[in-house]
């Protein structure tokens, strides 16, 4: 159990997730770029990837400060993500356009 995040993590948690199937997973990340989604913690990145692999759709919810940001651990390539919900700003518009160009649905309200 990871008390900071309130999550069960590690190989046992990943094995448990492998026994399930979800219509959709909704997750957050430390960062998202055209190269993929990222998290600061290797164990969180691992459980995120397992959930993505065992779901029909992956939806990322990220505040505007996460767009164009990377972190230590890459969770997966962007193609595994079906949609991103965020806030579009002047500062992240170019990065969001790159994400859209990769075929990802981006739901955002212009700021």
Protein backbone atom coordinates (compact mmCIF):
# COMPACT_ATOMS: atom_id res chain seq x y z
CA UNK A 1 0.00 0.00 0.00
CA UNK A 2 1.37 3.39 -1.02
CA UNK A 3 0.11 5.79 1.67
CA UNK A 4 0.95 8.98 -0.27
CA UNK A 5 -1.37 8.03 -3.14
CA UNK A 6 -3.76 5.70 -1.33
CA UNK A 7 -3.08 2.99 -3.94
CA UNK A 8 -2.14 -0.65 -3.85
CA UNK A 9 0.95 -0.98 -6.03
CA UNK A 10 3.61 -3.46 -7.06
CA UNK A 11 3.64 -6.90 -8.60
CA UNK A 12 0.77 -8.26 -6.47
CA UNK A 13 -1.49 -5.36 -7.43
CA UNK A 14 -0.54 -5.72 -11.10
CA UNK A 15 -1.30 -9.46 -11.00
CA UNK A 16 -4.69 -8.72 -9.46
CA UNK A 17 -5.55 -6.18 -12.15
CA UNK A 18 -4.66 -8.75 -14.82
CA UNK A 19 -7.65 -10.79 -13.65
CA UNK A 20 -10.12 -8.02 -14.41
CA UNK A 21 -11.55 -6.34 -17.49
CA UNK A 22 -12.95 -2.80 -17.58
CA UNK A 23 -14.97 -1.03 -20.23
CA UNK A 24 -12.91 2.07 -19.53
CA UNK A 25 -10.12 3.23 -17.26
CA UNK A 26 -9.93 6.86 -16.22
CA UNK A 27 -6.51 7.88 -15.01
CA UNK A 28 -4.27 10.81 -14.37
CA UNK A 29 -0.58 11.24 -15.07
CA UNK A 30 2.33 13.45 -14.12
CA UNK A 31 2.71 14.49 -17.76
CA UNK A 32 1.60 13.92 -21.33
CA UNK A 33 3.37 14.64 -24.60
CA UNK A 34 3.05 13.39 -28.17
CA UNK A 35 5.47 10.62 -27.12
CA UNK A 36 3.25 9.24 -24.37
CA UNK A 37 2.07 9.58 -20.81
CA UNK A 38 4.38 9.73 -17.80
CA UNK A 39 4.34 9.29 -14.06
CA UNK A 40 6.88 10.08 -11.36
CA UNK A 41 6.56 6.72 -9.60
CA UNK A 42 7.55 3.44 -11.29
CA UNK A 43 4.95 1.42 -9.39
CA UNK A 44 2.14 3.83 -10.25
CA UNK A 45 3.25 3.75 -13.89
CA UNK A 46 3.13 -0.07 -13.77
CA UNK A 47 -0.40 -0.27 -12.39
CA UNK A 48 -1.54 2.42 -14.86
CA UNK A 49 -0.20 0.35 -17.77
CA UNK A 50 -1.88 -2.84 -16.47
CA UNK A 51 -5.21 -1.04 -16.20
CA UNK A 52 -4.82 0.32 -19.74
CA UNK A 53 -3.99 -3.16 -21.05
CA UNK A 54 -7.11 -4.63 -19.40
CA UNK A 55 -9.59 -1.97 -20.52
CA UNK A 56 -11.42 -1.30 -23.76
CA UNK A 57 -10.76 2.44 -23.52
CA UNK A 58 -8.25 4.61 -21.68
CA UNK A 59 -9.22 8.15 -20.74
CA UNK A 60 -6.69 10.57 -19.33
CA UNK A 61 -7.74 13.50 -17.16
CA UNK A 62 -4.95 16.04 -16.74
CA UNK A 63 -4.87 19.65 -15.67
CA UNK A 64 -3.30 22.10 -18.08
CA UNK A 65 0.06 22.08 -16.29
CA UNK A 66 0.63 18.41 -17.22
CA UNK A 67 0.51 19.00 -20.98
CA UNK A 68 3.95 18.92 -22.60
CA UNK A 69 5.55 17.54 -19.41
CA UNK A 70 7.52 14.32 -18.98
CA UNK A 71 8.52 12.48 -15.82
CA UNK A 72 10.91 9.72 -14.84
CA UNK A 73 8.69 6.79 -15.92
CA UNK A 74 6.91 6.48 -19.25
CA UNK A 75 3.61 4.65 -18.75
CA UNK A 76 2.85 4.01 -22.41
CA UNK A 77 2.82 5.44 -25.90
CA UNK A 78 0.11 7.94 -26.72
CA UNK A 79 -1.63 5.52 -29.09
CA UNK A 80 -2.91 3.53 -26.10
CA UNK A 81 -4.92 6.55 -24.94
CA UNK A 82 -8.35 7.15 -26.46
CA UNK A 83 -9.18 10.57 -25.06
CA UNK A 84 -7.69 13.39 -23.00
CA UNK A 85 -9.73 15.81 -20.88
CA UNK A 86 -7.88 19.00 -20.00
CA UNK A 87 -7.95 22.78 -20.17
CA UNK A 88 -6.49 24.33 -23.31
CA UNK A 89 -4.37 27.43 -22.77
CA UNK A 90 -2.16 29.56 -24.97
CA UNK A 91 0.85 27.84 -23.37
CA UNK A 92 -0.22 24.24 -24.12
CA UNK A 93 -2.08 24.71 -27.42
CA UNK A 94 0.84 23.52 -29.60
CA UNK A 95 1.33 20.37 -27.50
CA UNK A 96 -2.40 19.63 -27.59
CA UNK A 97 -2.38 20.01 -31.37
CA UNK A 98 0.44 17.44 -31.54
CA UNK A 99 -1.64 15.09 -29.39
CA UNK A 100 -4.66 15.64 -31.65
CA UNK A 101 -2.47 15.01 -34.71
CA UNK A 102 -1.62 11.60 -33.22
CA UNK A 103 -5.33 10.75 -33.46
CA UNK A 104 -6.21 11.25 -29.80
CA UNK A 105 -9.53 12.90 -28.98
CA UNK A 106 -8.88 15.99 -26.88
CA UNK A 107 -11.74 17.50 -24.92
CA UNK A 108 -10.81 20.95 -23.71
CA UNK A 109 -12.30 24.30 -22.99
CA UNK A 110 -10.26 27.17 -24.44
CA UNK A 111 -9.01 29.50 -21.75
